Amino acid sequence: MSECCEGSETPKMTAALTLKNIFSSNPKWEPERNLIIFTGIAVVSLLIILLVMSMTLFSQIPNFKEIYFPLLALSAIICAIITGCGYHFLAYKKPVPCSIGMMEGMSFGMMAGFLIGALIGATNGMFWGSIVAMVASSIIGVWAGKCCGVMGVIEGLMAGIMGGTMGAMLSVMLLAEPLPIFLALLTFMCSIVLIALAYMRIVEYGELGTNTRIESPISMTSTALIFFILLTLFMVYGPKSGPVWGL
């Protein structure tokens, strides 16, 4: 455990007590509270943008509401959550032990790979789902794990490769099933892992504190929007290979 945590009471706190502190009026927990609020704002904003796009840009696409809309709604949630998790990483400026950095790179890369791969695999096929998710999640995993050196980078890279390919494979294997229901459950479970990852950082490093600067909700929403637009355009207009959802 890092030296900064010695003598701190934060590692002894349970998850329930941590949540209670975050949603209290305690100013020490304001950065964490703002991150949650800003992530929620990003989710709502992206869903509103998707609704507008479905009535304008995508209105001429046959069966858009039945095929694409549920998956794009999940992608809006996913982009906001991944962005919020990334901003939580950026907020910490403390040294990272090797074991913790490896866990961060592995968890972030794997969850991002599963989610991105599953979405693109459903709409564009396993080949493109694997390619795009493997590259994107490997970048995310390496970025998250590089804080502890080469071992974290390797863990992030391996997690991205595995998560990206497996996420796409899962969607293709479940095309004959009610896929959006499975993807909603997958999104929920992966979100739980990312929330647990954030909790682990609080346990290891303590709360961010009142001196920590959190980016504005406009900054977080703009970042999530960039990811969402890129993902949406690829899912709707990108190349398709093999069987895909609804077609």
C-alpha atoms as a PDB file:
ATOM      1  CA  MET A   1       0.000   0.000   0.000  1.00  0.00           C
ATOM      2  CA  SER A   2       1.246   3.463  -0.758  1.00  0.00           C
ATOM      3  CA  GLU A   3       2.876   5.522   1.981  1.00  0.00           C
ATOM      4  CA  CYS A   4       0.234   8.225   1.663  1.00  0.00           C
ATOM      5  CA  CYS A   5      -2.368   5.864   3.111  1.00  0.00           C
ATOM      6  CA  GLU A   6      -0.484   5.137   6.352  1.00  0.00           C
ATOM      7  CA  GLY A   7      -2.420   6.383   9.357  1.00  0.00           C
ATOM      8  CA  SER A   8      -5.477   7.142   7.262  1.00  0.00           C
ATOM      9  CA  GLU A   9      -8.876   5.829   8.295  1.00  0.00           C
ATOM     10  CA  THR A  10     -10.092   5.622   4.696  1.00  0.00           C
ATOM     11  CA  PRO A  11      -8.855   2.013   4.048  1.00  0.00           C
ATOM     12  CA  LYS A  12     -10.999   0.809   7.010  1.00  0.00           C
ATOM     13  CA  MET A  13     -14.206   2.212   5.545  1.00  0.00           C
ATOM     14  CA  THR A  14     -16.724  -0.123   4.020  1.00  0.00           C
ATOM     15  CA  ALA A  15     -18.300   0.481   0.628  1.00  0.00           C
ATOM     16  CA  ALA A  16     -21.574   1.454   2.327  1.00  0.00           C
ATOM     17  CA  LEU A  17     -19.840   4.037   4.502  1.00  0.00           C
ATOM     18  CA  THR A  18     -17.987   5.396   1.482  1.00  0.00           C
ATOM     19  CA  LEU A  19     -21.263   5.881  -0.384  1.00  0.00           C
ATOM     20  CA  LYS A  20     -22.781   7.538   2.679  1.00  0.00           C
ATOM     21  CA  ASN A  21     -19.869   9.985   2.825  1.00  0.00           C
ATOM     22  CA  ILE A  22     -19.997  10.734  -0.888  1.00  0.00           C
ATOM     23  CA  PHE A  23     -23.691  11.592  -0.791  1.00  0.00           C
ATOM     24  CA  SER A  24     -23.422  13.594   2.412  1.00  0.00           C
ATOM     25  CA  SER A  25     -22.705  17.318   2.614  1.00  0.00           C
ATOM     26  CA  ASN A  26     -19.116  16.715   3.733  1.00  0.00           C
ATOM     27  CA  PRO A  27     -16.901  19.047   1.626  1.00  0.00           C
ATOM     28  CA  LYS A  28     -14.042  16.512   1.745  1.00  0.00           C
ATOM     29  CA  TRP A  29     -16.048  14.258  -0.566  1.00  0.00           C
ATOM     30  CA  GLU A  30     -17.209  16.949  -2.959  1.00  0.00           C
ATOM     31  CA  PRO A  31     -14.893  15.865  -5.832  1.00  0.00           C
ATOM     32  CA  GLU A  32     -16.268  12.301  -5.791  1.00  0.00           C
ATOM     33  CA  ARG A  33     -19.807  13.664  -5.525  1.00  0.00           C
ATOM     34  CA  ASN A  34     -19.204  15.950  -8.497  1.00  0.00           C
ATOM     35  CA  LEU A  35     -17.774  13.101 -10.576  1.00  0.00           C
ATOM     36  CA  ILE A  36     -20.945  11.067 -10.052  1.00  0.00           C
ATOM     37  CA  ILE A  37     -23.196  14.035 -10.813  1.00  0.00           C
ATOM     38  CA  PHE A  38     -21.195  15.008 -13.904  1.00  0.00           C
ATOM     39  CA  THR A  39     -21.300  11.412 -15.168  1.00  0.00           C
ATOM     40  CA  GLY A  40     -25.075  11.424 -14.745  1.00  0.00           C
ATOM     41  CA  ILE A  41     -25.290  14.716 -16.647  1.00  0.00           C
ATOM     42  CA  ALA A  42     -23.232  13.166 -19.451  1.00  0.00           C
ATOM     43  CA  VAL A  43     -25.541  10.134 -19.623  1.00  0.00           C
ATOM     44  CA  VAL A  44     -28.683  12.285 -19.850  1.00  0.00           C
ATOM     45  CA  SER A  45     -27.082  14.634 -22.393  1.00  0.00           C
ATOM     46  CA  LEU A  46     -25.987  11.789 -24.677  1.00  0.00           C
ATOM     47  CA  LEU A  47     -29.401  10.133 -24.520  1.00  0.00           C
ATOM     48  CA  ILE A  48     -31.074  13.428 -25.483  1.00  0.00           C
ATOM     49  CA  ILE A  49     -28.630  13.853 -28.367  1.00  0.00           C
ATOM     50  CA  LEU A  50     -29.363  10.291 -29.495  1.00  0.00           C
ATOM     51  CA  LEU A  51     -33.101  10.996 -29.431  1.00  0.00           C
ATOM     52  CA  VAL A  52     -32.612  14.088 -31.589  1.00  0.00           C
ATOM     53  CA  MET A  53     -30.348  12.191 -33.997  1.00  0.00           C
ATOM     54  CA  SER A  54     -32.891   9.374 -34.302  1.00  0.00           C
ATOM     55  CA  MET A  55     -35.556  11.899 -35.387  1.00  0.00           C
ATOM     56  CA  THR A  56     -33.278  13.723 -37.847  1.00  0.00           C
ATOM     57  CA  LEU A  57     -30.038  12.158 -39.087  1.00  0.00           C
ATOM     58  CA  PHE A  58     -31.166   8.544 -38.715  1.00  0.00           C
ATOM     59  CA  SER A  59     -34.859   8.972 -39.501  1.00  0.00           C
ATOM     60  CA  GLN A  60     -34.506   7.463 -42.989  1.00  0.00           C
ATOM     61  CA  ILE A  61     -32.736   4.284 -41.868  1.00  0.00           C
ATOM     62  CA  PRO A  62     -35.172   1.333 -42.027  1.00  0.00           C
ATOM     63  CA  ASN A  63     -36.077  -0.175 -38.650  1.00  0.00           C
ATOM     64  CA  PHE A  64     -33.672   2.162 -36.864  1.00  0.00           C
ATOM     65  CA  LYS A  65     -35.685   2.228 -33.630  1.00  0.00           C
ATOM     66  CA  GLU A  66     -35.907  -1.571 -33.487  1.00  0.00           C
ATOM     67  CA  ILE A  67     -32.328  -2.403 -34.533  1.00  0.00           C
ATOM     68  CA  TYR A  68     -30.030   0.435 -33.579  1.00  0.00           C
ATOM     69  CA  PHE A  69     -31.736   2.610 -30.975  1.00  0.00           C
ATOM     70  CA  PRO A  70     -31.518   0.177 -28.002  1.00  0.00           C
ATOM     71  CA  LEU A  71     -27.844  -0.528 -28.724  1.00  0.00           C
ATOM     72  CA  LEU A  72     -26.998   3.150 -29.197  1.00  0.00           C
ATOM     73  CA  ALA A  73     -28.763   4.001 -25.945  1.00  0.00           C
ATOM     74  CA  LEU A  74     -26.483   1.506 -24.215  1.00  0.00           C
ATOM     75  CA  SER A  75     -23.483   3.008 -26.000  1.00  0.00           C
ATOM     76  CA  ALA A  76     -24.422   6.450 -24.632  1.00  0.00           C
ATOM     77  CA  ILE A  77     -24.414   5.057 -21.106  1.00  0.00           C
ATOM     78  CA  ILE A  78     -21.168   3.178 -21.713  1.00  0.00           C
ATOM     79  CA  CYS A  79     -19.338   6.201 -23.147  1.00  0.00           C
ATOM     80  CA  ALA A  80     -20.362   8.350 -20.166  1.00  0.00           C
ATOM     81  CA  ILE A  81     -19.332   5.739 -17.589  1.00  0.00           C
ATOM     82  CA  ILE A  82     -15.963   5.051 -19.221  1.00  0.00           C
ATOM     83  CA  THR A  83     -15.330   8.793 -19.419  1.00  0.00           C
ATOM     84  CA  GLY A  84     -16.280   9.278 -15.768  1.00  0.00           C
ATOM     85  CA  CYS A  85     -13.968   6.462 -14.736  1.00  0.00           C
ATOM     86  CA  GLY A  86     -11.150   8.020 -16.763  1.00  0.00           C
ATOM     87  CA  TYR A  87     -11.668  11.410 -15.129  1.00  0.00           C
ATOM     88  CA  HIS A  88     -11.486   9.725 -11.724  1.00  0.00           C
ATOM     89  CA  PHE A  89      -8.100   8.310 -12.727  1.00  0.00           C
ATOM     90  CA  LEU A  90      -6.907  11.750 -13.796  1.00  0.00           C
ATOM     91  CA  ALA A  91      -7.973  13.334 -10.511  1.00  0.00           C
ATOM     92  CA  TYR A  92      -5.418  11.351  -8.493  1.00  0.00           C
ATOM     93  CA  LYS A  93      -1.863  12.691  -8.485  1.00  0.00           C
ATOM     94  CA  LYS A  94      -0.344  10.213  -6.018  1.00  0.00           C
ATOM     95  CA  PRO A  95       2.267   7.475  -6.630  1.00  0.00           C
ATOM     96  CA  VAL A  96       0.708   4.163  -7.674  1.00  0.00           C
ATOM     97  CA  PRO A  97       2.021   0.820  -6.332  1.00  0.00           C
ATOM     98  CA  CYS A  98       2.756  -1.763  -9.014  1.00  0.00           C
ATOM     99  CA  SER A  99       0.076  -4.219  -7.884  1.00  0.00           C
ATOM    100  CA  ILE A 100      -2.614  -1.517  -7.908  1.00  0.00           C
ATOM    101  CA  GLY A 101      -1.533  -0.136 -11.280  1.00  0.00           C
ATOM    102  CA  MET A 102      -1.663  -3.601 -12.808  1.00  0.00           C
ATOM    103  CA  MET A 103      -5.188  -4.095 -11.475  1.00  0.00           C
ATOM    104  CA  GLU A 104      -6.258  -0.716 -12.840  1.00  0.00           C
ATOM    105  CA  GLY A 105      -4.904  -1.401 -16.316  1.00  0.00           C
ATOM    106  CA  MET A 106      -6.372  -4.896 -16.413  1.00  0.00           C
ATOM    107  CA  SER A 107      -9.823  -3.951 -15.084  1.00  0.00           C
ATOM    108  CA  PHE A 108     -10.294  -0.787 -17.136  1.00  0.00           C
ATOM    109  CA  GLY A 109      -8.984  -2.369 -20.340  1.00  0.00           C
ATOM    110  CA  MET A 110     -11.031  -5.550 -19.939  1.00  0.00           C
ATOM    111  CA  MET A 111     -14.327  -3.827 -19.138  1.00  0.00           C
ATOM    112  CA  ALA A 112     -13.920  -1.284 -21.935  1.00  0.00           C
ATOM    113  CA  GLY A 113     -13.077  -4.100 -24.351  1.00  0.00           C
ATOM    114  CA  PHE A 114     -16.092  -6.173 -23.405  1.00  0.00           C
ATOM    115  CA  LEU A 115     -18.493  -3.253 -23.757  1.00  0.00           C
ATOM    116  CA  ILE A 116     -17.140  -1.768 -26.993  1.00  0.00           C
ATOM    117  CA  GLY A 117     -16.621  -5.181 -28.588  1.00  0.00           C
ATOM    118  CA  ALA A 118     -20.109  -6.378 -27.690  1.00  0.00           C
ATOM    119  CA  LEU A 119     -21.758  -3.298 -29.205  1.00  0.00           C
ATOM    120  CA  ILE A 120     -19.789  -3.205 -32.447  1.00  0.00           C
ATOM    121  CA  GLY A 121     -19.893  -6.989 -32.742  1.00  0.00           C
ATOM    122  CA  ALA A 122     -23.695  -6.824 -32.651  1.00  0.00           C
ATOM    123  CA  THR A 123     -24.016  -4.193 -35.401  1.00  0.00           C
ATOM    124  CA  ASN A 124     -20.908  -4.764 -37.537  1.00  0.00           C
ATOM    125  CA  GLY A 125     -19.937  -8.404 -37.021  1.00  0.00           C
ATOM    126  CA  MET A 126     -17.224 -10.187 -35.088  1.00  0.00           C
ATOM    127  CA  PHE A 127     -14.338  -9.115 -37.335  1.00  0.00           C
ATOM    128  CA  TRP A 128     -14.903  -5.377 -37.012  1.00  0.00           C
ATOM    129  CA  GLY A 129     -16.051  -5.675 -33.419  1.00  0.00           C
ATOM    130  CA  SER A 130     -12.831  -7.451 -32.502  1.00  0.00           C
ATOM    131  CA  ILE A 131     -10.582  -5.089 -34.464  1.00  0.00           C
ATOM    132  CA  VAL A 132     -12.050  -1.815 -33.188  1.00  0.00           C
ATOM    133  CA  ALA A 133     -12.585  -2.947 -29.593  1.00  0.00           C
ATOM    134  CA  MET A 134      -9.171  -4.591 -29.356  1.00  0.00           C
ATOM    135  CA  VAL A 135      -7.388  -1.428 -30.474  1.00  0.00           C
ATOM    136  CA  ALA A 136      -9.543   0.969 -28.422  1.00  0.00           C
ATOM    137  CA  SER A 137      -9.519  -1.067 -25.210  1.00  0.00           C
ATOM    138  CA  SER A 138      -5.796  -1.791 -25.473  1.00  0.00           C
ATOM    139  CA  ILE A 139      -5.175   1.961 -25.620  1.00  0.00           C
ATOM    140  CA  ILE A 140      -7.440   2.454 -22.588  1.00  0.00           C
ATOM    141  CA  GLY A 141      -5.799  -0.394 -20.668  1.00  0.00           C
ATOM    142  CA  VAL A 142      -2.268   0.820 -21.402  1.00  0.00           C
ATOM    143  CA  TRP A 143      -3.231   4.379 -20.447  1.00  0.00           C
ATOM    144  CA  ALA A 144      -4.677   3.165 -17.132  1.00  0.00           C
ATOM    145  CA  GLY A 145      -1.788   0.836 -16.324  1.00  0.00           C
ATOM    146  CA  LYS A 146       1.196   2.935 -17.407  1.00  0.00           C
ATOM    147  CA  CYS A 147       1.229   4.678 -14.017  1.00  0.00           C
ATOM    148  CA  CYS A 148       3.154   1.730 -12.554  1.00  0.00           C
ATOM    149  CA  GLY A 149       5.502   1.048 -15.457  1.00  0.00           C
ATOM    150  CA  VAL A 150       5.922  -1.781 -17.916  1.00  0.00           C
ATOM    151  CA  MET A 151       3.979  -4.384 -15.900  1.00  0.00           C
ATOM    152  CA  GLY A 152       0.886  -2.197 -15.857  1.00  0.00           C
ATOM    153  CA  VAL A 153       1.269  -1.549 -19.576  1.00  0.00           C
ATOM    154  CA  ILE A 154       1.476  -5.290 -20.279  1.00  0.00           C
ATOM    155  CA  GLU A 155      -1.591  -6.005 -18.134  1.00  0.00           C
ATOM    156  CA  GLY A 156      -3.560  -3.260 -19.863  1.00  0.00           C
ATOM    157  CA  LEU A 157      -2.527  -4.490 -23.290  1.00  0.00           C
ATOM    158  CA  MET A 158      -3.426  -8.096 -22.545  1.00  0.00           C
ATOM    159  CA  ALA A 159      -6.771  -7.074 -21.051  1.00  0.00           C
ATOM    160  CA  GLY A 160      -7.591  -4.983 -24.120  1.00  0.00           C
ATOM    161  CA  ILE A 161      -6.768  -7.819 -26.499  1.00  0.00           C
ATOM    162  CA  MET A 162      -8.799 -10.369 -24.548  1.00  0.00           C
ATOM    163  CA  GLY A 163     -11.753  -8.112 -23.695  1.00  0.00           C
ATOM    164  CA  GLY A 164     -12.081  -6.696 -27.214  1.00  0.00           C
ATOM    165  CA  THR A 165     -12.196 -10.069 -28.939  1.00  0.00           C
ATOM    166  CA  MET A 166     -14.375 -11.782 -26.344  1.00  0.00           C
ATOM    167  CA  GLY A 167     -16.924  -8.961 -26.271  1.00  0.00           C
ATOM    168  CA  ALA A 168     -17.474  -9.179 -30.024  1.00  0.00           C
ATOM    169  CA  MET A 169     -17.639 -12.963 -29.877  1.00  0.00           C
ATOM    170  CA  LEU A 170     -20.343 -12.914 -27.216  1.00  0.00           C
ATOM    171  CA  SER A 171     -22.655 -10.735 -29.307  1.00  0.00           C
ATOM    172  CA  VAL A 172     -22.250 -12.864 -32.424  1.00  0.00           C
ATOM    173  CA  MET A 173     -22.916 -16.039 -30.430  1.00  0.00           C
ATOM    174  CA  LEU A 174     -26.147 -14.534 -29.037  1.00  0.00           C
ATOM    175  CA  LEU A 175     -27.609 -13.038 -32.224  1.00  0.00           C
ATOM    176  CA  ALA A 176     -30.478 -15.520 -32.167  1.00  0.00           C
ATOM    177  CA  GLU A 177     -31.343 -14.501 -28.600  1.00  0.00           C
ATOM    178  CA  PRO A 178     -32.830 -11.240 -27.182  1.00  0.00           C
ATOM    179  CA  LEU A 179     -29.418  -9.595 -27.512  1.00  0.00           C
ATOM    180  CA  PRO A 180     -30.295  -6.092 -26.185  1.00  0.00           C
ATOM    181  CA  ILE A 181     -31.374  -7.643 -22.871  1.00  0.00           C
ATOM    182  CA  PHE A 182     -28.051  -9.436 -22.537  1.00  0.00           C
ATOM    183  CA  LEU A 183     -26.111  -6.307 -23.473  1.00  0.00           C
ATOM    184  CA  ALA A 184     -28.037  -4.292 -20.889  1.00  0.00           C
ATOM    185  CA  LEU A 185     -27.084  -6.850 -18.237  1.00  0.00           C
ATOM    186  CA  LEU A 186     -23.473  -6.864 -19.472  1.00  0.00           C
ATOM    187  CA  THR A 187     -23.370  -3.069 -19.249  1.00  0.00           C
ATOM    188  CA  PHE A 188     -24.705  -3.200 -15.708  1.00  0.00           C
ATOM    189  CA  MET A 189     -22.193  -5.825 -14.581  1.00  0.00           C
ATOM    190  CA  CYS A 190     -19.215  -4.086 -16.197  1.00  0.00           C
ATOM    191  CA  SER A 191     -20.341  -0.816 -14.615  1.00  0.00           C
ATOM    192  CA  ILE A 192     -20.318  -2.518 -11.210  1.00  0.00           C
ATOM    193  CA  VAL A 193     -16.710  -3.575 -11.831  1.00  0.00           C
ATOM    194  CA  LEU A 194     -15.719  -0.011 -12.765  1.00  0.00           C
ATOM    195  CA  ILE A 195     -17.476   1.344  -9.667  1.00  0.00           C
ATOM    196  CA  ALA A 196     -15.603  -1.227  -7.566  1.00  0.00           C
ATOM    197  CA  LEU A 197     -12.385  -0.095  -9.244  1.00  0.00           C
ATOM    198  CA  ALA A 198     -13.126   3.486  -8.196  1.00  0.00           C
ATOM    199  CA  TYR A 199     -13.820   2.274  -4.657  1.00  0.00           C
ATOM    200  CA  MET A 200     -10.486   0.443  -4.636  1.00  0.00           C
ATOM    201  CA  ARG A 201      -8.722   3.686  -5.498  1.00  0.00           C
ATOM    202  CA  ILE A 202     -10.446   5.416  -2.583  1.00  0.00           C
ATOM    203  CA  VAL A 203      -9.419   2.589  -0.254  1.00  0.00           C
ATOM    204  CA  GLU A 204      -5.808   2.699  -1.424  1.00  0.00           C
ATOM    205  CA  TYR A 205      -5.295   6.455  -1.777  1.00  0.00           C
ATOM    206  CA  GLY A 206      -8.023   8.030   0.337  1.00  0.00           C
ATOM    207  CA  GLU A 207     -10.625  10.559  -0.779  1.00  0.00           C
ATOM    208  CA  LEU A 208      -9.614  13.165  -3.334  1.00  0.00           C
ATOM    209  CA  GLY A 209     -10.079  16.026  -0.864  1.00  0.00           C
ATOM    210  CA  THR A 210     -11.187  19.616  -1.197  1.00  0.00           C
ATOM    211  CA  ASN A 211      -7.985  20.716  -2.955  1.00  0.00           C
ATOM    212  CA  THR A 212      -8.581  18.424  -5.933  1.00  0.00           C
ATOM    213  CA  ARG A 213      -9.776  20.141  -9.086  1.00  0.00           C
ATOM    214  CA  ILE A 214     -12.485  18.307 -11.012  1.00  0.00           C
ATOM    215  CA  GLU A 215     -13.132  19.199 -14.619  1.00  0.00           C
ATOM    216  CA  SER A 216     -16.457  20.831 -15.421  1.00  0.00           C
ATOM    217  CA  PRO A 217     -19.506  18.836 -16.558  1.00  0.00           C
ATOM    218  CA  ILE A 218     -19.122  20.490 -19.962  1.00  0.00           C
ATOM    219  CA  SER A 219     -15.632  19.032 -20.286  1.00  0.00           C
ATOM    220  CA  MET A 220     -16.749  15.551 -19.247  1.00  0.00           C
ATOM    221  CA  THR A 221     -19.847  15.615 -21.451  1.00  0.00           C
ATOM    222  CA  SER A 222     -17.826  16.871 -24.433  1.00  0.00           C
ATOM    223  CA  THR A 223     -15.295  14.057 -24.046  1.00  0.00           C
ATOM    224  CA  ALA A 224     -18.043  11.455 -23.732  1.00  0.00           C
ATOM    225  CA  LEU A 225     -19.805  12.992 -26.751  1.00  0.00           C
ATOM    226  CA  ILE A 226     -16.713  12.600 -28.936  1.00  0.00           C
ATOM    227  CA  PHE A 227     -16.486   8.905 -28.041  1.00  0.00           C
ATOM    228  CA  PHE A 228     -20.229   8.469 -28.525  1.00  0.00           C
ATOM    229  CA  ILE A 229     -20.316  10.110 -31.959  1.00  0.00           C
ATOM    230  CA  LEU A 230     -17.373   8.026 -33.207  1.00  0.00           C
ATOM    231  CA  LEU A 231     -18.926   4.831 -31.870  1.00  0.00           C
ATOM    232  CA  THR A 232     -22.381   5.690 -33.222  1.00  0.00           C
ATOM    233  CA  LEU A 233     -21.191   6.521 -36.726  1.00  0.00           C
ATOM    234  CA  PHE A 234     -19.193   3.313 -36.929  1.00  0.00           C
ATOM    235  CA  MET A 235     -22.059   1.186 -35.617  1.00  0.00           C
ATOM    236  CA  VAL A 236     -24.571   2.678 -38.070  1.00  0.00           C
ATOM    237  CA  TYR A 237     -22.494   3.418 -41.171  1.00  0.00           C
ATOM    238  CA  GLY A 238     -19.355   1.327 -40.669  1.00  0.00           C
ATOM    239  CA  PRO A 239     -18.505  -1.839 -42.644  1.00  0.00           C
ATOM    240  CA  LYS A 240     -20.275  -5.037 -41.690  1.00  0.00           C
ATOM    241  CA  SER A 241     -18.983  -8.587 -41.892  1.00  0.00           C
ATOM    242  CA  GLY A 242     -20.883 -11.774 -41.206  1.00  0.00           C
ATOM    243  CA  PRO A 243     -24.226 -11.962 -39.366  1.00  0.00           C
ATOM    244  CA  VAL A 244     -25.273  -8.854 -37.432  1.00  0.00           C
ATOM    245  CA  TRP A 245     -28.182  -7.958 -35.150  1.00  0.00           C
ATOM    246  CA  GLY A 246     -31.533  -7.385 -36.853  1.00  0.00           C
ATOM    247  CA  LEU A 247     -30.277  -7.786 -40.419  1.00  0.00           C
END
